[in-house]
Amino acid sequence: MHGVSNPAAMFAAAEASGREIELSELCRERAIEHSLTLPSCIPVFLNTHPKKDLIGRIVPQLAEIRSAFPRRAIVLENHEAAVTDPEMIREFRDLLSEIDVGLAFDDYRAGQARFRELICAPLDYIKFDSSLIRDLMDVDPE
């Protein structure tokens, strides 16, 4: 019997067979199902895949999830490669708001383009890239 040892290996195997988007969708569905053990006020953060059609596939899937789990707090983590166009981000944010799904930027990095995205679409969460906070405790308080 062959298997995968970690999520990266699982997604690499899915990508090799051209099924990484389907795996991404399945992971979101299973995450919501498993979140039922948590209080509904604790948000469940779901990831996107950079090849995923945000408006054409992710929003409809999230609308179905929202319909099945109306009381679950849901936040979609936008992969940095998934959306870079400010107008698209604004539209995507509006569509998520309509179905009561929050938006987070995942692995947020410094840079002018990233700040422009923040201005264009108000976010619920920003998850900083570890490179921005690594060794922060070692910084001189001055």
N, C-alpha and C. Protein backbone atom coordinates (compact mmCIF):
# COMPACT_ATOMS: atom_id res chain seq x y z
N MET A 1 0.85 -1.18 0.00
CA MET A 1 0.00 0.00 0.00
C MET A 1 0.90 1.24 0.00
N HIS A 2 0.59 2.17 -0.87
CA HIS A 2 1.36 3.41 -0.96
C HIS A 2 0.56 4.54 -0.35
N GLY A 3 1.25 5.46 0.26
CA GLY A 3 0.58 6.60 0.86
C GLY A 3 1.47 7.82 0.80
N VAL A 4 1.00 8.88 1.41
CA VAL A 4 1.78 10.11 1.49
C VAL A 4 2.04 10.40 2.96
N SER A 5 3.17 11.03 3.22
CA SER A 5 3.58 11.23 4.60
C SER A 5 3.19 12.57 5.19
N ASN A 6 2.82 13.54 4.34
CA ASN A 6 2.46 14.86 4.85
C ASN A 6 1.64 15.61 3.80
N PRO A 7 1.04 16.74 4.17
CA PRO A 7 0.21 17.47 3.20
C PRO A 7 0.95 17.90 1.95
N ALA A 8 2.22 18.29 2.08
CA ALA A 8 2.97 18.71 0.89
C ALA A 8 3.11 17.55 -0.09
N ALA A 9 3.39 16.36 0.43
CA ALA A 9 3.49 15.18 -0.43
C ALA A 9 2.14 14.84 -1.04
N MET A 10 1.08 15.02 -0.27
CA MET A 10 -0.27 14.74 -0.77
C MET A 10 -0.61 15.68 -1.93
N PHE A 11 -0.31 16.97 -1.78
CA PHE A 11 -0.60 17.91 -2.85
C PHE A 11 0.32 17.71 -4.05
N ALA A 12 1.56 17.28 -3.80
CA ALA A 12 2.47 16.99 -4.92
C ALA A 12 1.94 15.81 -5.73
N ALA A 13 1.43 14.80 -5.05
CA ALA A 13 0.86 13.64 -5.75
C ALA A 13 -0.38 14.06 -6.53
N ALA A 14 -1.22 14.91 -5.93
CA ALA A 14 -2.43 15.38 -6.61
C ALA A 14 -2.06 16.21 -7.83
N GLU A 15 -1.04 17.05 -7.70
CA GLU A 15 -0.61 17.88 -8.82
C GLU A 15 -0.07 17.02 -9.96
N ALA A 16 0.65 15.96 -9.62
CA ALA A 16 1.20 15.07 -10.64
C ALA A 16 0.10 14.41 -11.46
N SER A 17 -1.06 14.25 -10.85
CA SER A 17 -2.18 13.64 -11.57
C SER A 17 -3.20 14.67 -12.05
N GLY A 18 -2.87 15.97 -11.88
CA GLY A 18 -3.77 17.02 -12.34
C GLY A 18 -5.03 17.17 -11.50
N ARG A 19 -4.95 16.80 -10.24
CA ARG A 19 -6.15 16.83 -9.39
C ARG A 19 -5.98 17.68 -8.14
N GLU A 20 -5.04 18.63 -8.18
CA GLU A 20 -4.78 19.45 -6.99
C GLU A 20 -5.95 20.34 -6.62
N ILE A 21 -6.71 20.80 -7.61
CA ILE A 21 -7.87 21.64 -7.32
C ILE A 21 -8.96 20.83 -6.62
N GLU A 22 -9.17 19.61 -7.11
CA GLU A 22 -10.16 18.75 -6.46
C GLU A 22 -9.75 18.43 -5.03
N LEU A 23 -8.46 18.19 -4.81
CA LEU A 23 -7.98 17.92 -3.46
C LEU A 23 -8.18 19.13 -2.57
N SER A 24 -7.92 20.31 -3.09
CA SER A 24 -8.13 21.54 -2.33
C SER A 24 -9.59 21.67 -1.90
N GLU A 25 -10.49 21.40 -2.83
CA GLU A 25 -11.93 21.47 -2.51
C GLU A 25 -12.30 20.43 -1.44
N LEU A 26 -11.79 19.22 -1.59
CA LEU A 26 -12.07 18.17 -0.62
C LEU A 26 -11.55 18.55 0.77
N CYS A 27 -10.37 19.14 0.82
CA CYS A 27 -9.81 19.57 2.11
C CYS A 27 -10.70 20.60 2.79
N ARG A 28 -11.24 21.55 2.02
CA ARG A 28 -12.14 22.56 2.61
C ARG A 28 -13.40 21.89 3.16
N GLU A 29 -13.95 20.96 2.40
CA GLU A 29 -15.16 20.27 2.86
C GLU A 29 -14.90 19.48 4.14
N ARG A 30 -13.80 18.76 4.18
CA ARG A 30 -13.48 17.96 5.37
C ARG A 30 -13.16 18.85 6.57
N ALA A 31 -12.51 19.97 6.34
CA ALA A 31 -12.19 20.88 7.44
C ALA A 31 -13.46 21.39 8.10
N ILE A 32 -14.44 21.75 7.30
CA ILE A 32 -15.72 22.22 7.86
C ILE A 32 -16.39 21.11 8.65
N GLU A 33 -16.41 19.91 8.10
CA GLU A 33 -17.04 18.79 8.81
C GLU A 33 -16.36 18.54 10.15
N HIS A 34 -15.03 18.57 10.17
CA HIS A 34 -14.30 18.33 11.42
C HIS A 34 -14.41 19.50 12.39
N SER A 35 -14.74 20.67 11.89
CA SER A 35 -14.85 21.85 12.77
C SER A 35 -16.07 21.78 13.67
N LEU A 36 -16.96 20.85 13.44
CA LEU A 36 -18.16 20.74 14.25
C LEU A 36 -17.85 20.42 15.71
N THR A 37 -16.64 19.97 15.99
CA THR A 37 -16.25 19.71 17.37
C THR A 37 -15.88 20.98 18.12
N LEU A 38 -15.75 22.10 17.39
CA LEU A 38 -15.39 23.39 17.98
C LEU A 38 -16.63 24.26 18.18
N PRO A 39 -16.58 25.20 19.12
CA PRO A 39 -17.68 26.16 19.21
C PRO A 39 -17.82 26.91 17.88
N SER A 40 -19.05 27.20 17.48
CA SER A 40 -19.30 27.82 16.17
C SER A 40 -18.70 29.22 16.06
N CYS A 41 -18.41 29.87 17.19
CA CYS A 41 -17.83 31.21 17.14
C CYS A 41 -16.34 31.20 16.78
N ILE A 42 -15.69 30.05 16.88
CA ILE A 42 -14.28 29.95 16.53
C ILE A 42 -14.19 29.80 15.01
N PRO A 43 -13.53 30.76 14.34
CA PRO A 43 -13.48 30.69 12.88
C PRO A 43 -12.66 29.50 12.37
N VAL A 44 -13.14 28.94 11.29
CA VAL A 44 -12.41 27.89 10.59
C VAL A 44 -11.75 28.58 9.40
N PHE A 45 -10.43 28.49 9.32
CA PHE A 45 -9.68 29.09 8.23
C PHE A 45 -9.49 28.06 7.14
N LEU A 46 -9.96 28.38 5.94
CA LEU A 46 -9.85 27.48 4.80
C LEU A 46 -8.88 28.08 3.79
N ASN A 47 -8.09 27.23 3.19
CA ASN A 47 -7.08 27.69 2.23
C ASN A 47 -7.58 27.66 0.80
N THR A 48 -6.93 28.47 -0.04
CA THR A 48 -7.17 28.43 -1.47
C THR A 48 -5.95 27.79 -2.13
N HIS A 49 -6.14 27.41 -3.34
CA HIS A 49 -5.03 26.90 -4.15
C HIS A 49 -4.74 27.95 -5.19
N PRO A 50 -3.47 28.25 -5.49
CA PRO A 50 -3.17 29.33 -6.42
C PRO A 50 -3.74 29.14 -7.82
N LYS A 51 -4.04 27.92 -8.21
CA LYS A 51 -4.60 27.68 -9.55
C LYS A 51 -6.12 27.74 -9.56
N LYS A 52 -6.70 27.97 -8.43
CA LYS A 52 -8.14 27.92 -8.29
C LYS A 52 -8.82 29.17 -8.84
N ASP A 53 -9.93 28.99 -9.54
CA ASP A 53 -10.77 30.09 -10.02
C ASP A 53 -11.59 30.58 -8.84
N LEU A 54 -11.17 31.70 -8.26
CA LEU A 54 -11.79 32.18 -7.02
C LEU A 54 -13.28 32.46 -7.18
N ILE A 55 -13.63 33.17 -8.23
CA ILE A 55 -15.03 33.56 -8.39
C ILE A 55 -15.87 32.43 -8.99
N GLY A 56 -15.30 31.71 -9.93
CA GLY A 56 -16.04 30.66 -10.61
C GLY A 56 -16.19 29.36 -9.85
N ARG A 57 -15.23 29.04 -8.96
CA ARG A 57 -15.29 27.76 -8.24
C ARG A 57 -15.29 27.90 -6.74
N ILE A 58 -14.45 28.77 -6.20
CA ILE A 58 -14.38 28.85 -4.74
C ILE A 58 -15.62 29.49 -4.15
N VAL A 59 -16.07 30.60 -4.71
CA VAL A 59 -17.27 31.26 -4.15
C VAL A 59 -18.48 30.33 -4.19
N PRO A 60 -18.76 29.65 -5.30
CA PRO A 60 -19.89 28.71 -5.28
C PRO A 60 -19.73 27.59 -4.24
N GLN A 61 -18.50 27.07 -4.11
CA GLN A 61 -18.30 26.03 -3.10
C GLN A 61 -18.53 26.58 -1.70
N LEU A 62 -18.03 27.77 -1.44
CA LEU A 62 -18.24 28.37 -0.12
C LEU A 62 -19.71 28.70 0.14
N ALA A 63 -20.43 29.06 -0.91
CA ALA A 63 -21.87 29.30 -0.76
C ALA A 63 -22.58 28.01 -0.35
N GLU A 64 -22.17 26.89 -0.93
CA GLU A 64 -22.75 25.59 -0.55
C GLU A 64 -22.39 25.24 0.89
N ILE A 65 -21.14 25.47 1.25
CA ILE A 65 -20.70 25.21 2.62
C ILE A 65 -21.47 26.10 3.59
N ARG A 66 -21.62 27.37 3.25
CA ARG A 66 -22.35 28.30 4.12
C ARG A 66 -23.79 27.83 4.30
N SER A 67 -24.42 27.37 3.22
CA SER A 67 -25.80 26.88 3.28
C SER A 67 -25.91 25.66 4.20
N ALA A 68 -24.93 24.77 4.14
CA ALA A 68 -24.95 23.57 4.97
C ALA A 68 -24.57 23.85 6.42
N PHE A 69 -23.75 24.89 6.63
CA PHE A 69 -23.26 25.21 7.97
C PHE A 69 -23.47 26.71 8.24
N PRO A 70 -24.73 27.13 8.40
CA PRO A 70 -25.02 28.57 8.49
C PRO A 70 -24.46 29.26 9.73
N ARG A 71 -24.18 28.53 10.79
CA ARG A 71 -23.71 29.17 12.02
C ARG A 71 -22.20 29.11 12.19
N ARG A 72 -21.50 28.44 11.32
CA ARG A 72 -20.05 28.28 11.43
C ARG A 72 -19.34 29.54 10.97
N ALA A 73 -18.43 30.05 11.78
CA ALA A 73 -17.60 31.18 11.36
C ALA A 73 -16.55 30.65 10.38
N ILE A 74 -16.52 31.23 9.17
CA ILE A 74 -15.63 30.76 8.11
C ILE A 74 -14.78 31.92 7.61
N VAL A 75 -13.49 31.67 7.43
CA VAL A 75 -12.57 32.65 6.87
C VAL A 75 -11.79 31.96 5.76
N LEU A 76 -11.74 32.58 4.61
CA LEU A 76 -10.96 32.04 3.50
C LEU A 76 -9.60 32.70 3.48
N GLU A 77 -8.56 31.88 3.49
CA GLU A 77 -7.19 32.40 3.40
C GLU A 77 -6.83 32.52 1.93
N ASN A 78 -6.63 33.74 1.48
CA ASN A 78 -6.27 33.97 0.09
C ASN A 78 -4.79 33.73 -0.10
N HIS A 79 -4.48 32.76 -0.93
CA HIS A 79 -3.08 32.49 -1.26
C HIS A 79 -2.53 33.68 -2.03
N GLU A 80 -1.32 34.08 -1.72
CA GLU A 80 -0.75 35.30 -2.31
C GLU A 80 -0.70 35.26 -3.82
N ALA A 81 -0.62 34.08 -4.43
CA ALA A 81 -0.55 34.00 -5.89
C ALA A 81 -1.93 33.93 -6.53
N ALA A 82 -2.97 33.80 -5.72
CA ALA A 82 -4.31 33.59 -6.27
C ALA A 82 -4.92 34.86 -6.86
N VAL A 83 -4.72 35.99 -6.21
CA VAL A 83 -5.29 37.25 -6.70
C VAL A 83 -4.27 38.35 -6.52
N THR A 84 -3.99 39.05 -7.58
CA THR A 84 -3.07 40.18 -7.48
C THR A 84 -3.69 41.45 -8.06
N ASP A 85 -4.80 41.34 -8.78
CA ASP A 85 -5.46 42.48 -9.38
C ASP A 85 -6.39 43.14 -8.35
N PRO A 86 -6.18 44.43 -8.05
CA PRO A 86 -6.99 45.10 -7.02
C PRO A 86 -8.49 45.05 -7.29
N GLU A 87 -8.91 45.20 -8.54
CA GLU A 87 -10.34 45.15 -8.86
C GLU A 87 -10.92 43.76 -8.58
N MET A 88 -10.15 42.73 -8.93
CA MET A 88 -10.58 41.35 -8.66
C MET A 88 -10.69 41.09 -7.17
N ILE A 89 -9.74 41.61 -6.41
CA ILE A 89 -9.78 41.44 -4.95
C ILE A 89 -11.04 42.08 -4.37
N ARG A 90 -11.35 43.27 -4.84
CA ARG A 90 -12.54 43.98 -4.34
C ARG A 90 -13.80 43.17 -4.67
N GLU A 91 -13.91 42.70 -5.89
CA GLU A 91 -15.08 41.90 -6.29
C GLU A 91 -15.16 40.61 -5.47
N PHE A 92 -14.02 39.95 -5.31
CA PHE A 92 -13.97 38.71 -4.55
C PHE A 92 -14.38 38.95 -3.10
N ARG A 93 -13.88 40.04 -2.51
CA ARG A 93 -14.23 40.38 -1.13
C ARG A 93 -15.73 40.62 -0.99
N ASP A 94 -16.31 41.34 -1.95
CA ASP A 94 -17.75 41.62 -1.91
C ASP A 94 -18.57 40.33 -1.99
N LEU A 95 -18.15 39.41 -2.85
CA LEU A 95 -18.87 38.14 -2.98
C LEU A 95 -18.78 37.31 -1.70
N LEU A 96 -17.62 37.32 -1.08
CA LEU A 96 -17.47 36.59 0.19
C LEU A 96 -18.34 37.22 1.28
N SER A 97 -18.39 38.53 1.30
CA SER A 97 -19.22 39.23 2.30
C SER A 97 -20.69 38.85 2.16
N GLU A 98 -21.14 38.71 0.91
CA GLU A 98 -22.54 38.35 0.66
C GLU A 98 -22.91 37.00 1.25
N ILE A 99 -21.94 36.09 1.35
CA ILE A 99 -22.24 34.77 1.92
C ILE A 99 -21.66 34.63 3.34
N ASP A 100 -21.31 35.75 3.95
CA ASP A 100 -20.82 35.79 5.32
C ASP A 100 -19.58 34.93 5.53
N VAL A 101 -18.61 35.11 4.64
CA VAL A 101 -17.31 34.43 4.76
C VAL A 101 -16.25 35.51 4.86
N GLY A 102 -15.42 35.41 5.87
CA GLY A 102 -14.34 36.37 6.06
C GLY A 102 -13.20 36.13 5.08
N LEU A 103 -12.29 37.09 5.02
CA LEU A 103 -11.15 37.00 4.12
C LEU A 103 -9.87 37.29 4.89
N ALA A 104 -8.87 36.46 4.66
CA ALA A 104 -7.55 36.66 5.24
C ALA A 104 -6.52 36.61 4.13
N PHE A 105 -5.49 37.43 4.25
CA PHE A 105 -4.33 37.29 3.38
C PHE A 105 -3.37 36.36 4.10
N ASP A 106 -2.97 35.32 3.42
CA ASP A 106 -2.08 34.33 3.98
C ASP A 106 -0.64 34.64 3.60
N ASP A 107 0.26 34.46 4.53
CA ASP A 107 1.69 34.70 4.29
C ASP A 107 1.95 36.10 3.76
N TYR A 108 1.32 37.09 4.39
CA TYR A 108 1.47 38.47 3.96
C TYR A 108 2.93 38.90 4.08
N ARG A 109 3.42 39.50 3.01
CA ARG A 109 4.81 39.97 2.98
C ARG A 109 4.82 41.48 2.76
N ALA A 110 5.94 42.06 3.05
CA ALA A 110 6.11 43.48 2.81
C ALA A 110 6.22 43.73 1.31
N GLY A 111 5.86 44.93 0.90
CA GLY A 111 6.00 45.29 -0.50
C GLY A 111 4.84 46.17 -0.94
N GLN A 112 5.08 47.01 -1.90
CA GLN A 112 4.08 47.96 -2.35
C GLN A 112 2.83 47.28 -2.87
N ALA A 113 2.99 46.20 -3.64
CA ALA A 113 1.83 45.51 -4.21
C ALA A 113 0.93 44.97 -3.11
N ARG A 114 1.52 44.42 -2.07
CA ARG A 114 0.73 43.86 -0.98
C ARG A 114 -0.04 44.96 -0.24
N PHE A 115 0.59 46.12 -0.03
CA PHE A 115 -0.11 47.20 0.64
C PHE A 115 -1.27 47.71 -0.21
N ARG A 116 -1.10 47.73 -1.51
CA ARG A 116 -2.18 48.16 -2.40
C ARG A 116 -3.38 47.23 -2.28
N GLU A 117 -3.13 45.93 -2.15
CA GLU A 117 -4.21 44.98 -1.97
C GLU A 117 -4.97 45.26 -0.68
N LEU A 118 -4.26 45.61 0.38
CA LEU A 118 -4.91 45.92 1.65
C LEU A 118 -5.84 47.12 1.53
N ILE A 119 -5.42 48.11 0.77
CA ILE A 119 -6.23 49.31 0.60
C ILE A 119 -7.48 49.00 -0.21
N CYS A 120 -7.36 48.13 -1.21
CA CYS A 120 -8.47 47.85 -2.13
C CYS A 120 -9.57 47.00 -1.52
N ALA A 121 -9.24 46.12 -0.63
CA ALA A 121 -10.24 45.21 -0.07
C ALA A 121 -10.00 45.04 1.42
N PRO A 122 -10.84 45.64 2.25
CA PRO A 122 -10.67 45.47 3.69
C PRO A 122 -10.70 43.98 4.05
N LEU A 123 -9.78 43.60 4.89
CA LEU A 123 -9.65 42.20 5.28
C LEU A 123 -10.11 42.00 6.71
N ASP A 124 -10.40 40.76 7.02
CA ASP A 124 -10.74 40.41 8.39
C ASP A 124 -9.50 40.00 9.17
N TYR A 125 -8.53 39.40 8.46
CA TYR A 125 -7.30 38.92 9.09
C TYR A 125 -6.14 39.11 8.13
N ILE A 126 -4.96 39.31 8.71
CA ILE A 126 -3.72 39.29 7.95
C ILE A 126 -2.81 38.31 8.67
N LYS A 127 -2.38 37.29 7.95
CA LYS A 127 -1.46 36.31 8.50
C LYS A 127 -0.08 36.64 7.95
N PHE A 128 0.79 37.12 8.81
CA PHE A 128 2.11 37.57 8.38
C PHE A 128 3.02 36.40 8.04
N ASP A 129 3.80 36.59 6.99
CA ASP A 129 4.82 35.64 6.63
C ASP A 129 5.83 35.58 7.76
N SER A 130 6.29 34.40 8.07
CA SER A 130 7.21 34.25 9.20
C SER A 130 8.48 35.07 9.05
N SER A 131 8.88 35.38 7.81
CA SER A 131 10.09 36.17 7.62
C SER A 131 9.95 37.58 8.18
N LEU A 132 8.73 38.08 8.31
CA LEU A 132 8.52 39.42 8.85
C LEU A 132 8.62 39.47 10.37
N ILE A 133 8.39 38.34 11.00
CA ILE A 133 8.38 38.35 12.47
C ILE A 133 9.46 37.47 13.09
N ARG A 134 10.20 36.76 12.24
CA ARG A 134 11.27 35.89 12.76
C ARG A 134 12.26 36.73 13.56
N ASP A 135 12.66 36.23 14.68
CA ASP A 135 13.64 36.87 15.55
C ASP A 135 13.16 38.20 16.12
N LEU A 136 11.87 38.42 16.13
CA LEU A 136 11.32 39.67 16.64
C LEU A 136 11.64 39.86 18.14
N MET A 137 11.72 38.77 18.85
CA MET A 137 12.03 38.86 20.28
C MET A 137 13.46 39.32 20.53
N ASP A 138 14.33 39.18 19.52
CA ASP A 138 15.73 39.56 19.68
C ASP A 138 15.99 41.02 19.32
N VAL A 139 14.97 41.74 18.89
CA VAL A 139 15.14 43.13 18.48
C VAL A 139 15.29 44.01 19.71
N ASP A 140 16.20 44.94 19.64
CA ASP A 140 16.42 45.87 20.73
C ASP A 140 15.17 46.71 20.94
N PRO A 141 14.65 46.81 22.17
CA PRO A 141 13.42 47.58 22.42
C PRO A 141 13.51 49.04 21.98
N GLU A 142 14.73 49.58 21.91
CA GLU A 142 14.90 50.96 21.47
C GLU A 142 14.49 51.09 20.04
